[in-house]
Amino acid sequence: MKGFYNLPKLVQWIIALIMMVAGIVMCLPLVLKPYGLIVVPLLAPILNLASVPFFRLIGYYKYLNPYVLSIVQNDKEYDLHNIFTFDYLINFTWQDRGAHAQKVLLAHYIKALLTIIERIESKKLSPAVKIVGCSYFFNTRTAEKFGFTLSDASIFWKINSILQFIELSYLYSFAKGKWAMPKFWQVKRAEIIGSDLAAKKETLEKWVQRLEA
């Protein structure tokens, strides 16, 4: 899978459509059963794995870099999201689990913030833009150090995290290098205004240098 996005675009589309259709055919009959809602957490990793290439190709998932994606990108709001299992298979090997994966993920979340700052500085994005995301992309202390304000996430994101807890757990465990469960029931919303983020540019650049040293 590592060379997937180096394949000719037509080949990517063919593979993505096959994966998407296979995922729907496999999961939809189970979702439509009377117990369908109960099995959604079990099916979520399969649906995500099958759909990521398709959603990326149609532009629904907008990647700021290989490790950070966004769905909403406009002058009012930029959202940041964790990558999915498919992306881990593309970007990591089993030997990368643990400290190395943590450093890579954190460095690229910061690079995503620097990309947003670059778009603000080049007038491609309003400095009034609101950057929001789930607190999983860095811990509370780091989020506050970067100028983010933390608050309770909406009911939608809490329910979403609960439904996704299987995938969240094994990806989180990969980054930790051991079995570990994120506190998906305590998901927080991290938020900062673009101009305030831009003021943190030097701090963010130093963090990237430190992580990649």
Protein backbone atom coordinates (compact mmCIF):
# COMPACT_ATOMS: atom_id res chain seq x y z
CA MET A 1 0.00 0.00 0.00
CA LYS A 2 2.93 2.35 0.55
CA GLY A 3 3.14 3.32 -3.09
CA PHE A 4 -0.61 3.77 -3.58
CA TYR A 5 -0.54 7.53 -4.23
CA ASN A 6 2.38 7.13 -6.63
CA LEU A 7 0.23 5.00 -8.92
CA PRO A 8 -1.34 6.54 -12.05
CA LYS A 9 -4.51 8.43 -11.10
CA LEU A 10 -6.72 6.08 -13.12
CA VAL A 11 -5.34 3.07 -11.24
CA GLN A 12 -5.94 4.87 -7.93
CA TRP A 13 -9.55 5.50 -8.94
CA ILE A 14 -10.12 1.88 -9.94
CA ILE A 15 -8.68 0.55 -6.68
CA ALA A 16 -10.56 3.17 -4.62
CA LEU A 17 -13.89 2.32 -6.25
CA ILE A 18 -13.35 -1.42 -5.80
CA MET A 19 -12.50 -0.88 -2.11
CA MET A 20 -15.50 1.42 -1.60
CA VAL A 21 -17.97 -0.97 -3.21
CA ALA A 22 -16.50 -3.97 -1.38
CA GLY A 23 -16.79 -2.14 1.95
CA ILE A 24 -20.43 -1.23 1.34
CA VAL A 25 -21.34 -4.72 0.14
CA MET A 26 -19.67 -6.25 3.20
CA CYS A 27 -21.08 -3.87 5.83
CA LEU A 28 -24.47 -2.62 4.62
CA PRO A 29 -26.36 -5.93 5.09
CA LEU A 30 -25.18 -6.04 8.71
CA VAL A 31 -26.03 -2.39 9.39
CA LEU A 32 -29.59 -2.97 8.12
CA LYS A 33 -30.17 -5.85 10.54
CA PRO A 34 -32.22 -5.18 13.70
CA TYR A 35 -28.97 -5.22 15.67
CA GLY A 36 -27.27 -2.93 13.15
CA LEU A 37 -26.50 -0.07 15.56
CA ILE A 38 -24.78 -2.47 17.94
CA VAL A 39 -22.29 -3.65 15.31
CA VAL A 40 -21.47 -0.17 13.94
CA PRO A 41 -18.34 0.16 16.17
CA LEU A 42 -17.13 -3.19 14.80
CA LEU A 43 -17.76 -2.15 11.20
CA ALA A 44 -16.41 1.41 11.45
CA PRO A 45 -12.74 0.42 10.95
CA ILE A 46 -13.69 -1.62 7.86
CA LEU A 47 -15.76 1.22 6.38
CA ASN A 48 -12.98 3.73 7.06
CA LEU A 49 -10.34 1.48 5.54
CA ALA A 50 -12.48 0.96 2.44
CA SER A 51 -13.53 4.58 1.95
CA VAL A 52 -10.43 6.71 2.66
CA PRO A 53 -8.88 6.53 -0.86
CA PHE A 54 -12.23 7.38 -2.47
CA PHE A 55 -12.96 10.32 -0.17
CA ARG A 56 -9.44 11.63 -0.70
CA LEU A 57 -9.70 11.40 -4.48
CA ILE A 58 -13.03 13.26 -4.61
CA GLY A 59 -11.61 15.97 -2.34
CA TYR A 60 -13.85 15.35 0.67
CA TYR A 61 -10.77 14.58 2.75
CA LYS A 62 -8.31 17.43 2.21
CA TYR A 63 -4.86 16.46 3.44
CA LEU A 64 -2.67 19.22 4.86
CA ASN A 65 0.12 16.64 4.83
CA PRO A 66 0.20 12.81 4.85
CA TYR A 67 -0.61 12.69 8.57
CA VAL A 68 -3.26 15.39 9.03
CA LEU A 69 -6.50 15.89 7.16
CA SER A 70 -9.27 18.42 7.08
CA ILE A 71 -12.85 18.33 5.85
CA VAL A 72 -13.84 21.97 6.26
CA GLN A 73 -11.47 24.53 4.73
CA ASN A 74 -12.80 28.07 4.29
CA ASP A 75 -12.24 31.58 5.63
CA LYS A 76 -14.46 30.87 8.61
CA GLU A 77 -13.14 27.53 9.78
CA TYR A 78 -10.40 24.94 9.29
CA ASP A 79 -10.84 21.63 11.08
CA LEU A 80 -8.06 19.16 11.85
CA HIS A 81 -8.59 15.41 12.00
CA ASN A 82 -6.58 12.32 12.77
CA ILE A 83 -5.68 10.08 9.86
CA PHE A 84 -7.22 6.63 9.48
CA THR A 85 -5.96 3.05 9.33
CA PHE A 86 -5.36 3.26 5.57
CA ASP A 87 -3.07 6.25 6.12
CA TYR A 88 -1.15 4.43 8.85
CA LEU A 89 -0.60 1.51 6.45
CA ILE A 90 0.64 3.98 3.81
CA ASN A 91 2.93 5.96 6.09
CA PHE A 92 4.20 3.60 8.80
CA THR A 93 5.77 0.20 9.22
CA TRP A 94 5.28 -2.01 12.28
CA GLN A 95 8.78 -1.03 13.47
CA ASP A 96 7.69 2.64 13.64
CA ARG A 97 5.26 2.05 16.51
CA GLY A 98 5.89 3.85 19.79
CA ALA A 99 8.11 6.89 20.25
CA HIS A 100 8.98 7.26 16.56
CA ALA A 101 5.31 7.31 15.51
CA GLN A 102 4.50 9.83 18.26
CA LYS A 103 7.24 12.18 17.09
CA VAL A 104 6.23 11.89 13.45
CA LEU A 105 2.54 12.51 14.20
CA LEU A 106 3.19 15.49 16.46
CA ALA A 107 5.72 17.01 14.03
CA HIS A 108 3.21 16.78 11.19
CA TYR A 109 0.34 18.22 13.23
CA ILE A 110 2.59 21.20 13.88
CA LYS A 111 3.51 21.33 10.18
CA ALA A 112 -0.22 21.40 9.39
CA LEU A 113 -0.55 24.44 11.65
CA LEU A 114 2.43 26.05 9.90
CA THR A 115 0.76 25.37 6.55
CA ILE A 116 -2.32 27.23 7.78
CA ILE A 117 -0.12 30.11 8.97
CA GLU A 118 1.56 30.21 5.56
CA ARG A 119 -1.85 30.49 3.87
CA ILE A 120 -2.79 33.33 6.21
CA GLU A 121 0.48 35.17 5.55
CA SER A 122 0.07 34.78 1.78
CA LYS A 123 -3.49 36.21 1.98
CA LYS A 124 -5.02 32.94 0.81
CA LEU A 125 -6.82 32.60 4.13
CA SER A 126 -8.44 35.09 6.47
CA PRO A 127 -6.61 35.76 9.77
CA ALA A 128 -10.04 35.55 11.40
CA VAL A 129 -10.34 31.87 10.47
CA LYS A 130 -11.12 29.55 13.38
CA ILE A 131 -8.92 26.44 13.58
CA VAL A 132 -10.60 23.64 15.48
CA GLY A 133 -9.88 20.02 16.18
CA CYS A 134 -10.09 17.12 18.57
CA SER A 135 -7.66 17.17 21.49
CA TYR A 136 -6.35 13.73 20.40
CA PHE A 137 -3.94 15.48 18.03
CA PHE A 138 -1.87 16.63 20.99
CA ASN A 139 -2.27 16.54 24.75
CA THR A 140 -3.88 19.26 26.85
CA ARG A 141 -0.63 20.84 28.03
CA THR A 142 0.79 21.02 24.50
CA ALA A 143 -2.48 22.40 23.10
CA GLU A 144 -2.50 25.21 25.63
CA LYS A 145 1.20 25.91 25.00
CA PHE A 146 0.37 26.43 21.33
CA GLY A 147 -2.37 28.90 22.27
CA PHE A 148 -5.40 26.67 21.82
CA THR A 149 -8.47 27.04 24.03
CA LEU A 150 -9.95 23.75 25.21
CA SER A 151 -13.62 23.04 25.85
CA ASP A 152 -15.96 20.07 25.91
CA ALA A 153 -16.64 18.67 22.46
CA SER A 154 -20.18 18.64 21.10
CA ILE A 155 -22.47 15.66 21.61
CA PHE A 156 -21.94 14.78 17.93
CA TRP A 157 -18.18 14.37 18.37
CA LYS A 158 -18.57 12.46 21.63
CA ILE A 159 -20.93 9.99 19.96
CA ASN A 160 -18.65 9.80 16.92
CA SER A 161 -15.67 9.01 19.17
CA ILE A 162 -17.61 6.27 20.94
CA LEU A 163 -18.65 4.71 17.63
CA GLN A 164 -15.03 4.89 16.43
CA PHE A 165 -13.50 3.63 19.67
CA ILE A 166 -12.07 0.41 18.18
CA GLU A 167 -10.07 2.19 15.49
CA LEU A 168 -9.11 5.01 17.87
CA SER A 169 -7.85 2.45 20.37
CA TYR A 170 -5.59 0.41 18.10
CA LEU A 171 -4.18 3.48 16.32
CA TYR A 172 -3.54 5.13 19.69
CA SER A 173 -1.89 1.92 20.88
CA PHE A 174 0.34 1.89 17.81
CA ALA A 175 1.52 5.42 18.61
CA LYS A 176 2.11 4.47 22.25
CA GLY A 177 3.95 1.28 21.33
CA LYS A 178 1.76 -0.76 23.67
CA TRP A 179 -1.89 -1.46 24.30
CA ALA A 180 -3.53 1.78 25.46
CA MET A 181 -7.02 3.23 25.28
CA PRO A 182 -7.61 6.94 24.59
CA LYS A 183 -10.21 8.65 26.76
CA PHE A 184 -12.62 8.92 23.84
CA TRP A 185 -15.49 9.54 26.27
CA GLN A 186 -13.74 12.74 27.42
CA VAL A 187 -13.01 14.16 23.99
CA LYS A 188 -12.19 17.88 24.04
CA ARG A 189 -12.46 20.60 21.40
CA ALA A 190 -9.30 22.63 20.74
CA GLU A 191 -9.77 26.04 19.11
CA ILE A 192 -7.68 29.05 18.09
CA ILE A 193 -8.13 32.07 15.82
CA GLY A 194 -5.80 32.30 12.80
CA SER A 195 -4.13 35.55 13.85
CA ASP A 196 -3.36 34.10 17.29
CA LEU A 197 -1.95 30.97 15.68
CA ALA A 198 0.25 33.07 13.37
CA ALA A 199 1.71 34.75 16.46
CA LYS A 200 2.93 31.29 17.56
CA LYS A 201 4.83 30.63 14.32
CA GLU A 202 8.33 30.85 15.81
CA THR A 203 7.40 28.55 18.69
CA LEU A 204 5.89 26.00 16.30
CA GLU A 205 8.95 26.07 14.04
CA LYS A 206 11.23 25.40 17.02
CA TRP A 207 9.08 22.43 18.03
CA VAL A 208 9.38 20.91 14.55
CA GLN A 209 13.15 21.38 14.57
CA ARG A 210 13.37 19.71 17.96
CA LEU A 211 11.18 16.78 16.94
CA GLU A 212 13.10 16.18 13.71
CA ALA A 213 16.57 16.60 15.20
